[in-house]
Amino acid sequence: MIQNALSLEKISDDLVSELKLSPLQAKVFLHVTLNGKMNTAQIARDLAISQDEAQQIAKSLVDLGGFIDISSTDFEAMHPRFTAVNMYRRMCAKHNIEFKKNLVVDNIGVALERHYDRARTK
């Protein structure tokens, strides 16, 4: 369990450093990726943030390519192998950085894949 917490902390740090997410965006992204589809009320309650903040962050993650919006308040993470690379590609375009293979980004998707699949096959 401690190993898993450390690896999730590392993934969160990588989301911030490599994809330029805010720490709270990374936290919301990981929460939905690891737990499955949820609405902004659940996100807010689980992460002890306001519902408005949860809504704003979830919408920003849709814009960044990390989430899909099921409805105006329901969100789902896309498969992490694709999401990490897509979010990296968008970040590169936004910051005029040449898009090229990034092993840290690739490893985010690999590390989250098992958790993502597990949360959706309960």
PDB file of N, CA and C in Angstrom:
ATOM      1  N   MET A   1       0.826  -1.203   0.000  1.00  0.00           N
ATOM      2  CA  MET A   1       0.000   0.000   0.000  1.00  0.00           C
ATOM      3  C   MET A   1       0.860   1.251   0.000  1.00  0.00           C
ATOM      4  N   ILE A   2       1.930   1.262   0.821  1.00  0.00           N
ATOM      5  CA  ILE A   2       2.821   2.419   0.830  1.00  0.00           C
ATOM      6  C   ILE A   2       3.477   2.572  -0.526  1.00  0.00           C
ATOM      7  N   GLN A   3       3.905   1.472  -1.136  1.00  0.00           N
ATOM      8  CA  GLN A   3       4.519   1.525  -2.467  1.00  0.00           C
ATOM      9  C   GLN A   3       3.551   2.132  -3.480  1.00  0.00           C
ATOM     10  N   ASN A   4       2.288   1.728  -3.426  1.00  0.00           N
ATOM     11  CA  ASN A   4       1.278   2.249  -4.333  1.00  0.00           C
ATOM     12  C   ASN A   4       1.072   3.748  -4.118  1.00  0.00           C
ATOM     13  N   ALA A   5       1.028   4.180  -2.860  1.00  0.00           N
ATOM     14  CA  ALA A   5       0.864   5.606  -2.556  1.00  0.00           C
ATOM     15  C   ALA A   5       2.049   6.399  -3.071  1.00  0.00           C
ATOM     16  N   LEU A   6       3.252   5.852  -2.921  1.00  0.00           N
ATOM     17  CA  LEU A   6       4.439   6.540  -3.422  1.00  0.00           C
ATOM     18  C   LEU A   6       4.417   6.632  -4.938  1.00  0.00           C
ATOM     19  N   SER A   7       3.994   5.568  -5.603  1.00  0.00           N
ATOM     20  CA  SER A   7       3.966   5.612  -7.061  1.00  0.00           C
ATOM     21  C   SER A   7       2.889   6.582  -7.553  1.00  0.00           C
ATOM     22  N   LEU A   8       1.760   6.667  -6.862  1.00  0.00           N
ATOM     23  CA  LEU A   8       0.733   7.630  -7.255  1.00  0.00           C
ATOM     24  C   LEU A   8       1.199   9.062  -7.011  1.00  0.00           C
ATOM     25  N   GLU A   9       1.959   9.255  -5.960  1.00  0.00           N
ATOM     26  CA  GLU A   9       2.533  10.583  -5.714  1.00  0.00           C
ATOM     27  C   GLU A   9       3.510  10.949  -6.830  1.00  0.00           C
ATOM     28  N   LYS A  10       4.308   9.987  -7.257  1.00  0.00           N
ATOM     29  CA  LYS A  10       5.255  10.200  -8.366  1.00  0.00           C
ATOM     30  C   LYS A  10       4.490  10.511  -9.650  1.00  0.00           C
ATOM     31  N   ILE A  11       3.432   9.785  -9.910  1.00  0.00           N
ATOM     32  CA  ILE A  11       2.624  10.041 -11.104  1.00  0.00           C
ATOM     33  C   ILE A  11       2.036  11.451 -11.037  1.00  0.00           C
ATOM     34  N   SER A  12       1.535  11.836  -9.877  1.00  0.00           N
ATOM     35  CA  SER A  12       0.991  13.179  -9.713  1.00  0.00           C
ATOM     36  C   SER A  12       2.064  14.225 -10.000  1.00  0.00           C
ATOM     37  N   ASP A  13       3.251  14.021  -9.466  1.00  0.00           N
ATOM     38  CA  ASP A  13       4.363  14.942  -9.730  1.00  0.00           C
ATOM     39  C   ASP A  13       4.699  14.996 -11.220  1.00  0.00           C
ATOM     40  N   ASP A  14       4.662  13.838 -11.881  1.00  0.00           N
ATOM     41  CA  ASP A  14       4.946  13.789 -13.322  1.00  0.00           C
ATOM     42  C   ASP A  14       3.864  14.503 -14.130  1.00  0.00           C
ATOM     43  N   LEU A  15       2.610  14.374 -13.713  1.00  0.00           N
ATOM     44  CA  LEU A  15       1.525  15.090 -14.397  1.00  0.00           C
ATOM     45  C   LEU A  15       1.748  16.599 -14.320  1.00  0.00           C
ATOM     46  N   VAL A  16       2.231  17.058 -13.186  1.00  0.00           N
ATOM     47  CA  VAL A  16       2.492  18.490 -12.999  1.00  0.00           C
ATOM     48  C   VAL A  16       3.715  18.916 -13.804  1.00  0.00           C
ATOM     49  N   SER A  17       4.795  18.163 -13.719  1.00  0.00           N
ATOM     50  CA  SER A  17       6.037  18.587 -14.379  1.00  0.00           C
ATOM     51  C   SER A  17       6.014  18.372 -15.892  1.00  0.00           C
ATOM     52  N   GLU A  18       5.483  17.261 -16.344  1.00  0.00           N
ATOM     53  CA  GLU A  18       5.538  16.938 -17.770  1.00  0.00           C
ATOM     54  C   GLU A  18       4.351  17.466 -18.569  1.00  0.00           C
ATOM     55  N   LEU A  19       3.156  17.460 -17.956  1.00  0.00           N
ATOM     56  CA  LEU A  19       1.954  17.885 -18.678  1.00  0.00           C
ATOM     57  C   LEU A  19       1.502  19.283 -18.280  1.00  0.00           C
ATOM     58  N   LYS A  20       2.202  19.867 -17.320  1.00  0.00           N
ATOM     59  CA  LYS A  20       1.918  21.230 -16.848  1.00  0.00           C
ATOM     60  C   LYS A  20       0.524  21.360 -16.239  1.00  0.00           C
ATOM     61  N   LEU A  21       0.033  20.284 -15.613  1.00  0.00           N
ATOM     62  CA  LEU A  21      -1.218  20.371 -14.878  1.00  0.00           C
ATOM     63  C   LEU A  21      -0.947  21.064 -13.550  1.00  0.00           C
ATOM     64  N   SER A  22      -1.962  21.696 -13.003  1.00  0.00           N
ATOM     65  CA  SER A  22      -1.832  22.208 -11.640  1.00  0.00           C
ATOM     66  C   SER A  22      -1.888  21.002 -10.702  1.00  0.00           C
ATOM     67  N   PRO A  23      -1.381  21.144  -9.482  1.00  0.00           N
ATOM     68  CA  PRO A  23      -1.483  20.016  -8.551  1.00  0.00           C
ATOM     69  C   PRO A  23      -2.927  19.552  -8.332  1.00  0.00           C
ATOM     70  N   LEU A  24      -3.873  20.482  -8.320  1.00  0.00           N
ATOM     71  CA  LEU A  24      -5.270  20.091  -8.121  1.00  0.00           C
ATOM     72  C   LEU A  24      -5.833  19.408  -9.377  1.00  0.00           C
ATOM     73  N   GLN A  25      -5.451  19.862 -10.555  1.00  0.00           N
ATOM     74  CA  GLN A  25      -5.866  19.161 -11.771  1.00  0.00           C
ATOM     75  C   GLN A  25      -5.337  17.729 -11.758  1.00  0.00           C
ATOM     76  N   ALA A  26      -4.087  17.562 -11.357  1.00  0.00           N
ATOM     77  CA  ALA A  26      -3.495  16.219 -11.296  1.00  0.00           C
ATOM     78  C   ALA A  26      -4.255  15.343 -10.307  1.00  0.00           C
ATOM     79  N   LYS A  27      -4.616  15.918  -9.172  1.00  0.00           N
ATOM     80  CA  LYS A  27      -5.350  15.175  -8.142  1.00  0.00           C
ATOM     81  C   LYS A  27      -6.723  14.738  -8.653  1.00  0.00           C
ATOM     82  N   VAL A  28      -7.442  15.638  -9.316  1.00  0.00           N
ATOM     83  CA  VAL A  28      -8.764  15.308  -9.869  1.00  0.00           C
ATOM     84  C   VAL A  28      -8.623  14.273 -10.983  1.00  0.00           C
ATOM     85  N   PHE A  29      -7.645  14.473 -11.862  1.00  0.00           N
ATOM     86  CA  PHE A  29      -7.420  13.522 -12.950  1.00  0.00           C
ATOM     87  C   PHE A  29      -7.160  12.123 -12.394  1.00  0.00           C
ATOM     88  N   LEU A  30      -6.278  12.018 -11.429  1.00  0.00           N
ATOM     89  CA  LEU A  30      -5.973  10.711 -10.835  1.00  0.00           C
ATOM     90  C   LEU A  30      -7.191  10.114 -10.137  1.00  0.00           C
ATOM     91  N   HIS A  31      -7.939  10.943  -9.440  1.00  0.00           N
ATOM     92  CA  HIS A  31      -9.104  10.445  -8.692  1.00  0.00           C
ATOM     93  C   HIS A  31     -10.134   9.805  -9.634  1.00  0.00           C
ATOM     94  N   VAL A  32     -10.449  10.469 -10.711  1.00  0.00           N
ATOM     95  CA  VAL A  32     -11.440   9.923 -11.656  1.00  0.00           C
ATOM     96  C   VAL A  32     -10.854   8.740 -12.423  1.00  0.00           C
ATOM     97  N   THR A  33      -9.586   8.817 -12.791  1.00  0.00           N
ATOM     98  CA  THR A  33      -8.945   7.702 -13.495  1.00  0.00           C
ATOM     99  C   THR A  33      -8.953   6.448 -12.632  1.00  0.00           C
ATOM    100  N   LEU A  34      -8.672   6.611 -11.351  1.00  0.00           N
ATOM    101  CA  LEU A  34      -8.566   5.460 -10.454  1.00  0.00           C
ATOM    102  C   LEU A  34      -9.908   4.939  -9.951  1.00  0.00           C
ATOM    103  N   ASN A  35     -10.946   5.793  -9.991  1.00  0.00           N
ATOM    104  CA  ASN A  35     -12.232   5.407  -9.401  1.00  0.00           C
ATOM    105  C   ASN A  35     -13.382   5.304 -10.385  1.00  0.00           C
ATOM    106  N   GLY A  36     -13.199   5.747 -11.599  1.00  0.00           N
ATOM    107  CA  GLY A  36     -14.258   5.642 -12.596  1.00  0.00           C
ATOM    108  C   GLY A  36     -15.115   6.896 -12.676  1.00  0.00           C
ATOM    109  N   LYS A  37     -16.062   6.836 -13.586  1.00  0.00           N
ATOM    110  CA  LYS A  37     -16.959   7.961 -13.867  1.00  0.00           C
ATOM    111  C   LYS A  37     -17.573   8.505 -12.587  1.00  0.00           C
ATOM    112  N   MET A  38     -17.609   9.821 -12.496  1.00  0.00           N
ATOM    113  CA  MET A  38     -18.264  10.435 -11.336  1.00  0.00           C
ATOM    114  C   MET A  38     -18.706  11.845 -11.671  1.00  0.00           C
ATOM    115  N   ASN A  39     -19.578  12.356 -10.818  1.00  0.00           N
ATOM    116  CA  ASN A  39     -20.063  13.720 -11.026  1.00  0.00           C
ATOM    117  C   ASN A  39     -19.284  14.692 -10.149  1.00  0.00           C
ATOM    118  N   THR A  40     -19.494  15.965 -10.410  1.00  0.00           N
ATOM    119  CA  THR A  40     -18.727  16.985  -9.697  1.00  0.00           C
ATOM    120  C   THR A  40     -19.031  16.998  -8.201  1.00  0.00           C
ATOM    121  N   ALA A  41     -20.235  16.620  -7.813  1.00  0.00           N
ATOM    122  CA  ALA A  41     -20.548  16.553  -6.377  1.00  0.00           C
ATOM    123  C   ALA A  41     -19.685  15.491  -5.698  1.00  0.00           C
ATOM    124  N   GLN A  42     -19.521  14.337  -6.347  1.00  0.00           N
ATOM    125  CA  GLN A  42     -18.674  13.273  -5.792  1.00  0.00           C
ATOM    126  C   GLN A  42     -17.215  13.710  -5.729  1.00  0.00           C
ATOM    127  N   ILE A  43     -16.739  14.309  -6.813  1.00  0.00           N
ATOM    128  CA  ILE A  43     -15.355  14.781  -6.853  1.00  0.00           C
ATOM    129  C   ILE A  43     -15.120  15.768  -5.713  1.00  0.00           C
ATOM    130  N   ALA A  44     -16.030  16.733  -5.578  1.00  0.00           N
ATOM    131  CA  ALA A  44     -15.899  17.760  -4.537  1.00  0.00           C
ATOM    132  C   ALA A  44     -15.877  17.132  -3.152  1.00  0.00           C
ATOM    133  N   ARG A  45     -16.793  16.224  -2.911  1.00  0.00           N
ATOM    134  CA  ARG A  45     -16.880  15.573  -1.595  1.00  0.00           C
ATOM    135  C   ARG A  45     -15.619  14.748  -1.315  1.00  0.00           C
ATOM    136  N   ASP A  46     -15.211  13.944  -2.276  1.00  0.00           N
ATOM    137  CA  ASP A  46     -14.064  13.055  -2.075  1.00  0.00           C
ATOM    138  C   ASP A  46     -12.755  13.813  -1.875  1.00  0.00           C
ATOM    139  N   LEU A  47     -12.614  14.954  -2.553  1.00  0.00           N
ATOM    140  CA  LEU A  47     -11.352  15.688  -2.496  1.00  0.00           C
ATOM    141  C   LEU A  47     -11.412  16.930  -1.617  1.00  0.00           C
ATOM    142  N   ALA A  48     -12.541  17.124  -0.951  1.00  0.00           N
ATOM    143  CA  ALA A  48     -12.715  18.257  -0.030  1.00  0.00           C
ATOM    144  C   ALA A  48     -12.443  19.598  -0.719  1.00  0.00           C
ATOM    145  N   ILE A  49     -13.091  19.763  -1.888  1.00  0.00           N
ATOM    146  CA  ILE A  49     -13.041  21.027  -2.606  1.00  0.00           C
ATOM    147  C   ILE A  49     -14.472  21.449  -2.892  1.00  0.00           C
ATOM    148  N   SER A  50     -14.663  22.687  -3.345  1.00  0.00           N
ATOM    149  CA  SER A  50     -16.021  23.141  -3.638  1.00  0.00           C
ATOM    150  C   SER A  50     -16.518  22.491  -4.929  1.00  0.00           C
ATOM    151  N   GLN A  51     -17.828  22.436  -5.048  1.00  0.00           N
ATOM    152  CA  GLN A  51     -18.416  21.859  -6.252  1.00  0.00           C
ATOM    153  C   GLN A  51     -18.087  22.721  -7.478  1.00  0.00           C
ATOM    154  N   ASP A  52     -18.056  24.032  -7.294  1.00  0.00           N
ATOM    155  CA  ASP A  52     -17.675  24.927  -8.403  1.00  0.00           C
ATOM    156  C   ASP A  52     -16.241  24.660  -8.845  1.00  0.00           C
ATOM    157  N   GLU A  53     -15.362  24.456  -7.876  1.00  0.00           N
ATOM    158  CA  GLU A  53     -13.965  24.164  -8.194  1.00  0.00           C
ATOM    159  C   GLU A  53     -13.854  22.825  -8.921  1.00  0.00           C
ATOM    160  N   ALA A  54     -14.585  21.834  -8.454  1.00  0.00           N
ATOM    161  CA  ALA A  54     -14.580  20.516  -9.102  1.00  0.00           C
ATOM    162  C   ALA A  54     -15.080  20.638 -10.536  1.00  0.00           C
ATOM    163  N   GLN A  55     -16.144  21.413 -10.750  1.00  0.00           N
ATOM    164  CA  GLN A  55     -16.696  21.618 -12.086  1.00  0.00           C
ATOM    165  C   GLN A  55     -15.674  22.301 -13.003  1.00  0.00           C
ATOM    166  N   GLN A  56     -15.061  23.350 -12.498  1.00  0.00           N
ATOM    167  CA  GLN A  56     -14.086  24.107 -13.291  1.00  0.00           C
ATOM    168  C   GLN A  56     -12.886  23.227 -13.668  1.00  0.00           C
ATOM    169  N   ILE A  57     -12.388  22.465 -12.715  1.00  0.00           N
ATOM    170  CA  ILE A  57     -11.228  21.614 -12.984  1.00  0.00           C
ATOM    171  C   ILE A  57     -11.590  20.484 -13.943  1.00  0.00           C
ATOM    172  N   ALA A  58     -12.738  19.866 -13.745  1.00  0.00           N
ATOM    173  CA  ALA A  58     -13.155  18.790 -14.649  1.00  0.00           C
ATOM    174  C   ALA A  58     -13.310  19.313 -16.072  1.00  0.00           C
ATOM    175  N   LYS A  59     -13.916  20.483 -16.227  1.00  0.00           N
ATOM    176  CA  LYS A  59     -14.059  21.080 -17.560  1.00  0.00           C
ATOM    177  C   LYS A  59     -12.692  21.390 -18.168  1.00  0.00           C
ATOM    178  N   SER A  60     -11.761  21.871 -17.342  1.00  0.00           N
ATOM    179  CA  SER A  60     -10.420  22.158 -17.861  1.00  0.00           C
ATOM    180  C   SER A  60      -9.740  20.872 -18.330  1.00  0.00           C
ATOM    181  N   LEU A  61     -10.007  19.768 -17.640  1.00  0.00           N
ATOM    182  CA  LEU A  61      -9.428  18.491 -18.045  1.00  0.00           C
ATOM    183  C   LEU A  61     -10.067  17.964 -19.327  1.00  0.00           C
ATOM    184  N   VAL A  62     -11.319  18.314 -19.577  1.00  0.00           N
ATOM    185  CA  VAL A  62     -11.936  17.993 -20.871  1.00  0.00           C
ATOM    186  C   VAL A  62     -11.189  18.762 -21.964  1.00  0.00           C
ATOM    187  N   ASP A  63     -10.966  20.050 -21.727  1.00  0.00           N
ATOM    188  CA  ASP A  63     -10.266  20.888 -22.711  1.00  0.00           C
ATOM    189  C   ASP A  63      -8.836  20.410 -22.959  1.00  0.00           C
ATOM    190  N   LEU A  64      -8.212  19.840 -21.941  1.00  0.00           N
ATOM    191  CA  LEU A  64      -6.833  19.359 -22.066  1.00  0.00           C
ATOM    192  C   LEU A  64      -6.756  17.943 -22.648  1.00  0.00           C
ATOM    193  N   GLY A  65      -7.906  17.302 -22.849  1.00  0.00           N
ATOM    194  CA  GLY A  65      -7.925  15.967 -23.433  1.00  0.00           C
ATOM    195  C   GLY A  65      -7.853  14.836 -22.430  1.00  0.00           C
ATOM    196  N   GLY A  66      -8.052  15.138 -21.151  1.00  0.00           N
ATOM    197  CA  GLY A  66      -7.965  14.102 -20.123  1.00  0.00           C
ATOM    198  C   GLY A  66      -9.281  13.454 -19.778  1.00  0.00           C
ATOM    199  N   PHE A  67     -10.367  14.202 -19.893  1.00  0.00           N
ATOM    200  CA  PHE A  67     -11.696  13.705 -19.553  1.00  0.00           C
ATOM    201  C   PHE A  67     -12.623  13.849 -20.740  1.00  0.00           C
ATOM    202  N   ILE A  68     -13.691  13.069 -20.693  1.00  0.00           N
ATOM    203  CA  ILE A  68     -14.839  13.310 -21.565  1.00  0.00           C
ATOM    204  C   ILE A  68     -15.993  13.694 -20.654  1.00  0.00           C
ATOM    205  N   ASP A  69     -16.836  14.579 -21.150  1.00  0.00           N
ATOM    206  CA  ASP A  69     -17.994  14.958 -20.336  1.00  0.00           C
ATOM    207  C   ASP A  69     -19.186  14.142 -20.793  1.00  0.00           C
ATOM    208  N   ILE A  70     -19.692  13.361 -19.861  1.00  0.00           N
ATOM    209  CA  ILE A  70     -20.855  12.499 -20.102  1.00  0.00           C
ATOM    210  C   ILE A  70     -22.111  13.365 -20.102  1.00  0.00           C
ATOM    211  N   SER A  71     -22.146  14.317 -19.181  1.00  0.00           N
ATOM    212  CA  SER A  71     -23.208  15.315 -19.100  1.00  0.00           C
ATOM    213  C   SER A  71     -22.546  16.588 -18.581  1.00  0.00           C
ATOM    214  N   SER A  72     -23.339  17.579 -18.246  1.00  0.00           N
ATOM    215  CA  SER A  72     -22.732  18.826 -17.779  1.00  0.00           C
ATOM    216  C   SER A  72     -22.049  18.676 -16.415  1.00  0.00           C
ATOM    217  N   THR A  73     -22.388  17.612 -15.677  1.00  0.00           N
ATOM    218  CA  THR A  73     -21.765  17.418 -14.362  1.00  0.00           C
ATOM    219  C   THR A  73     -21.110  16.049 -14.185  1.00  0.00           C
ATOM    220  N   ASP A  74     -21.220  15.162 -15.164  1.00  0.00           N
ATOM    221  CA  ASP A  74     -20.633  13.823 -15.086  1.00  0.00           C
ATOM    222  C   ASP A  74     -19.427  13.725 -16.003  1.00  0.00           C
ATOM    223  N   PHE A  75     -18.329  13.182 -15.449  1.00  0.00           N
ATOM    224  CA  PHE A  75     -17.081  13.117 -16.197  1.00  0.00           C
ATOM    225  C   PHE A  75     -16.460  11.738 -16.087  1.00  0.00           C
ATOM    226  N   GLU A  76     -15.726  11.384 -17.126  1.00  0.00           N
ATOM    227  CA  GLU A  76     -15.015  10.111 -17.162  1.00  0.00           C
ATOM    228  C   GLU A  76     -13.636  10.362 -17.746  1.00  0.00           C
ATOM    229  N   ALA A  77     -12.652   9.685 -17.204  1.00  0.00           N
ATOM    230  CA  ALA A  77     -11.302   9.742 -17.760  1.00  0.00           C
ATOM    231  C   ALA A  77     -11.245   8.816 -18.963  1.00  0.00           C
ATOM    232  N   MET A  78     -10.482   9.220 -19.939  1.00  0.00           N
ATOM    233  CA  MET A  78     -10.250   8.342 -21.080  1.00  0.00           C
ATOM    234  C   MET A  78      -9.109   7.387 -20.713  1.00  0.00           C
ATOM    235  N   HIS A  79      -8.895   6.374 -21.523  1.00  0.00           N
ATOM    236  CA  HIS A  79      -7.872   5.383 -21.224  1.00  0.00           C
ATOM    237  C   HIS A  79      -6.519   6.076 -21.064  1.00  0.00           C
ATOM    238  N   PRO A  80      -5.809   5.800 -19.960  1.00  0.00           N
ATOM    239  CA  PRO A  80      -4.591   6.554 -19.651  1.00  0.00           C
ATOM    240  C   PRO A  80      -3.459   6.418 -20.666  1.00  0.00           C
ATOM    241  N   ARG A  81      -3.364   5.316 -21.367  1.00  0.00           N
ATOM    242  CA  ARG A  81      -2.294   5.193 -22.372  1.00  0.00           C
ATOM    243  C   ARG A  81      -2.454   6.227 -23.468  1.00  0.00           C
ATOM    244  N   PHE A  82      -3.693   6.493 -23.845  1.00  0.00           N
ATOM    245  CA  PHE A  82      -3.952   7.480 -24.881  1.00  0.00           C
ATOM    246  C   PHE A  82      -3.992   8.892 -24.293  1.00  0.00           C
ATOM    247  N   THR A  83      -4.578   8.999 -23.127  1.00  0.00           N
ATOM    248  CA  THR A  83      -4.774  10.299 -22.503  1.00  0.00           C
ATOM    249  C   THR A  83      -3.456  11.000 -22.209  1.00  0.00           C
ATOM    250  N   ALA A  84      -2.518  10.301 -21.619  1.00  0.00           N
ATOM    251  CA  ALA A  84      -1.244  10.927 -21.260  1.00  0.00           C
ATOM    252  C   ALA A  84      -0.559  11.506 -22.500  1.00  0.00           C
ATOM    253  N   VAL A  85      -0.514  10.737 -23.564  1.00  0.00           N
ATOM    254  CA  VAL A  85       0.139  11.213 -24.788  1.00  0.00           C
ATOM    255  C   VAL A  85      -0.651  12.350 -25.419  1.00  0.00           C
ATOM    256  N   ASN A  86      -1.969  12.231 -25.446  1.00  0.00           N
ATOM    257  CA  ASN A  86      -2.786  13.303 -26.026  1.00  0.00           C
ATOM    258  C   ASN A  86      -2.654  14.600 -25.232  1.00  0.00           C
ATOM    259  N   MET A  87      -2.649  14.497 -23.918  1.00  0.00           N
ATOM    260  CA  MET A  87      -2.488  15.694 -23.091  1.00  0.00           C
ATOM    261  C   MET A  87      -1.093  16.298 -23.300  1.00  0.00           C
ATOM    262  N   TYR A  88      -0.099  15.443 -23.454  1.00  0.00           N
ATOM    263  CA  TYR A  88       1.266  15.923 -23.709  1.00  0.00           C
ATOM    264  C   TYR A  88       1.332  16.622 -25.071  1.00  0.00           C
ATOM    265  N   ARG A  89       0.704  16.035 -26.066  1.00  0.00           N
ATOM    266  CA  ARG A  89       0.688  16.641 -27.409  1.00  0.00           C
ATOM    267  C   ARG A  89       0.038  18.032 -27.361  1.00  0.00           C
ATOM    268  N   ARG A  90      -1.069  18.149 -26.669  1.00  0.00           N
ATOM    269  CA  ARG A  90      -1.748  19.451 -26.553  1.00  0.00           C
ATOM    270  C   ARG A  90      -0.908  20.459 -25.785  1.00  0.00           C
ATOM    271  N   MET A  91      -0.229  19.988 -24.723  1.00  0.00           N
ATOM    272  CA  MET A  91       0.632  20.877 -23.954  1.00  0.00           C
ATOM    273  C   MET A  91       1.785  21.374 -24.823  1.00  0.00           C
ATOM    274  N   CYS A  92       2.378  20.488 -25.619  1.00  0.00           N
ATOM    275  CA  CYS A  92       3.471  20.886 -26.512  1.00  0.00           C
ATOM    276  C   CYS A  92       2.993  21.937 -27.504  1.00  0.00           C
ATOM    277  N   ALA A  93       1.835  21.727 -28.089  1.00  0.00           N
ATOM    278  CA  ALA A  93       1.294  22.689 -29.057  1.00  0.00           C
ATOM    279  C   ALA A  93       1.041  24.042 -28.390  1.00  0.00           C
ATOM    280  N   LYS A  94       0.477  24.013 -27.206  1.00  0.00           N
ATOM    281  CA  LYS A  94       0.165  25.249 -26.486  1.00  0.00           C
ATOM    282  C   LYS A  94       1.418  26.049 -26.148  1.00  0.00           C
ATOM    283  N   HIS A  95       2.499  25.358 -25.798  1.00  0.00           N
ATOM    284  CA  HIS A  95       3.727  26.018 -25.365  1.00  0.00           C
ATOM    285  C   HIS A  95       4.798  26.059 -26.455  1.00  0.00           C
ATOM    286  N   ASN A  96       4.414  25.741 -27.692  1.00  0.00           N
ATOM    287  CA  ASN A  96       5.349  25.732 -28.831  1.00  0.00           C
ATOM    288  C   ASN A  96       6.595  24.896 -28.549  1.00  0.00           C
ATOM    289  N   ILE A  97       6.354  23.706 -28.019  1.00  0.00           N
ATOM    290  CA  ILE A  97       7.432  22.749 -27.747  1.00  0.00           C
ATOM    291  C   ILE A  97       7.315  21.652 -28.802  1.00  0.00           C
ATOM    292  N   GLU A  98       8.457  21.223 -29.326  1.00  0.00           N
ATOM    293  CA  GLU A  98       8.432  20.140 -30.305  1.00  0.00           C
ATOM    294  C   GLU A  98       7.896  18.871 -29.647  1.00  0.00           C
ATOM    295  N   PHE A  99       6.901  18.268 -30.285  1.00  0.00           N
ATOM    296  CA  PHE A  99       6.336  17.023 -29.762  1.00  0.00           C
ATOM    297  C   PHE A  99       7.237  15.877 -30.177  1.00  0.00           C
ATOM    298  N   LYS A 100       7.709  15.130 -29.198  1.00  0.00           N
ATOM    299  CA  LYS A 100       8.510  13.941 -29.460  1.00  0.00           C
ATOM    300  C   LYS A 100       8.272  12.950 -28.344  1.00  0.00           C
ATOM    301  N   LYS A 101       8.750  11.746 -28.533  1.00  0.00           N
ATOM    302  CA  LYS A 101       8.547  10.691 -27.539  1.00  0.00           C
ATOM    303  C   LYS A 101       9.061  11.156 -26.178  1.00  0.00           C
ATOM    304  N   ASN A 102       8.244  10.892 -25.154  1.00  0.00           N
ATOM    305  CA  ASN A 102       8.599  11.255 -23.792  1.00  0.00           C
ATOM    306  C   ASN A 102       8.318  10.038 -22.916  1.00  0.00           C
ATOM    307  N   LEU A 103       9.369   9.398 -22.453  1.00  0.00           N
ATOM    308  CA  LEU A 103       9.209   8.163 -21.683  1.00  0.00           C
ATOM    309  C   LEU A 103       8.474   8.382 -20.366  1.00  0.00           C
ATOM    310  N   VAL A 104       8.656   9.531 -19.749  1.00  0.00           N
ATOM    311  CA  VAL A 104       7.944   9.816 -18.494  1.00  0.00           C
ATOM    312  C   VAL A 104       6.442   9.830 -18.764  1.00  0.00           C
ATOM    313  N   VAL A 105       6.035  10.490 -19.843  1.00  0.00           N
ATOM    314  CA  VAL A 105       4.612  10.553 -20.213  1.00  0.00           C
ATOM    315  C   VAL A 105       4.095   9.156 -20.561  1.00  0.00           C
ATOM    316  N   ASP A 106       4.871   8.413 -21.332  1.00  0.00           N
ATOM    317  CA  ASP A 106       4.460   7.047 -21.674  1.00  0.00           C
ATOM    318  C   ASP A 106       4.271   6.203 -20.417  1.00  0.00           C
ATOM    319  N   ASN A 107       5.156   6.375 -19.454  1.00  0.00           N
ATOM    320  CA  ASN A 107       5.080   5.590 -18.218  1.00  0.00           C
ATOM    321  C   ASN A 107       3.880   5.974 -17.357  1.00  0.00           C
ATOM    322  N   ILE A 108       3.400   7.206 -17.458  1.00  0.00           N
ATOM    323  CA  ILE A 108       2.184   7.597 -16.740  1.00  0.00           C
ATOM    324  C   ILE A 108       1.031   6.707 -17.202  1.00  0.00           C
ATOM    325  N   GLY A 109       0.879   6.588 -18.504  1.00  0.00           N
ATOM    326  CA  GLY A 109      -0.197   5.755 -19.051  1.00  0.00           C
ATOM    327  C   GLY A 109      -0.065   4.300 -18.663  1.00  0.00           C
ATOM    328  N   VAL A 110       1.149   3.777 -18.737  1.00  0.00           N
ATOM    329  CA  VAL A 110       1.393   2.375 -18.384  1.00  0.00           C
ATOM    330  C   VAL A 110       1.072   2.146 -16.905  1.00  0.00           C
ATOM    331  N   ALA A 111       1.521   3.059 -16.048  1.00  0.00           N
ATOM    332  CA  ALA A 111       1.329   2.895 -14.604  1.00  0.00           C
ATOM    333  C   ALA A 111      -0.141   2.972 -14.208  1.00  0.00           C
ATOM    334  N   LEU A 112      -0.922   3.773 -14.925  1.00  0.00           N
ATOM    335  CA  LEU A 112      -2.332   3.951 -14.560  1.00  0.00           C
ATOM    336  C   LEU A 112      -3.268   2.945 -15.217  1.00  0.00           C
ATOM    337  N   GLU A 113      -2.812   2.269 -16.233  1.00  0.00           N
ATOM    338  CA  GLU A 113      -3.681   1.383 -17.003  1.00  0.00           C
ATOM    339  C   GLU A 113      -4.361   0.319 -16.147  1.00  0.00           C
ATOM    340  N   ARG A 114      -3.610  -0.348 -15.298  1.00  0.00           N
ATOM    341  CA  ARG A 114      -4.169  -1.417 -14.454  1.00  0.00           C
ATOM    342  C   ARG A 114      -5.237  -0.860 -13.513  1.00  0.00           C
ATOM    343  N   HIS A 115      -4.950   0.295 -12.905  1.00  0.00           N
ATOM    344  CA  HIS A 115      -5.911   0.930 -11.996  1.00  0.00           C
ATOM    345  C   HIS A 115      -7.173   1.349 -12.751  1.00  0.00           C
ATOM    346  N   TYR A 116      -6.984   1.909 -13.929  1.00  0.00           N
ATOM    347  CA  TYR A 116      -8.100   2.359 -14.764  1.00  0.00           C
ATOM    348  C   TYR A 116      -9.010   1.174 -15.095  1.00  0.00           C
ATOM    349  N   ASP A 117      -8.405   0.091 -15.572  1.00  0.00           N
ATOM    350  CA  ASP A 117      -9.189  -1.100 -15.940  1.00  0.00           C
ATOM    351  C   ASP A 117      -9.904  -1.697 -14.732  1.00  0.00           C
ATOM    352  N   ARG A 118      -9.222  -1.758 -13.608  1.00  0.00           N
ATOM    353  CA  ARG A 118      -9.812  -2.320 -12.389  1.00  0.00           C
ATOM    354  C   ARG A 118     -11.030  -1.523 -11.940  1.00  0.00           C
ATOM    355  N   ALA A 119     -10.957  -0.205 -12.032  1.00  0.00           N
ATOM    356  CA  ALA A 119     -12.070   0.649 -11.582  1.00  0.00           C
ATOM    357  C   ALA A 119     -13.292   0.491 -12.487  1.00  0.00           C
ATOM    358  N   ARG A 120     -13.106   0.025 -13.686  1.00  0.00           N
ATOM    359  CA  ARG A 120     -14.206  -0.087 -14.635  1.00  0.00           C
ATOM    360  C   ARG A 120     -14.719  -1.507 -14.793  1.00  0.00           C
ATOM    361  N   THR A 121     -14.157  -2.437 -14.062  1.00  0.00           N
ATOM    362  CA  THR A 121     -14.631  -3.826 -14.136  1.00  0.00           C
ATOM    363  C   THR A 121     -15.047  -4.353 -12.772  1.00  0.00           C
ATOM    364  N   LYS A 122     -15.436  -3.438 -11.874  1.00  0.00           N
ATOM    365  CA  LYS A 122     -15.863  -3.836 -10.522  1.00  0.00           C
ATOM    366  C   LYS A 122     -17.122  -4.661 -10.589  1.00  0.00           C
TER     367      LYS A 122
END
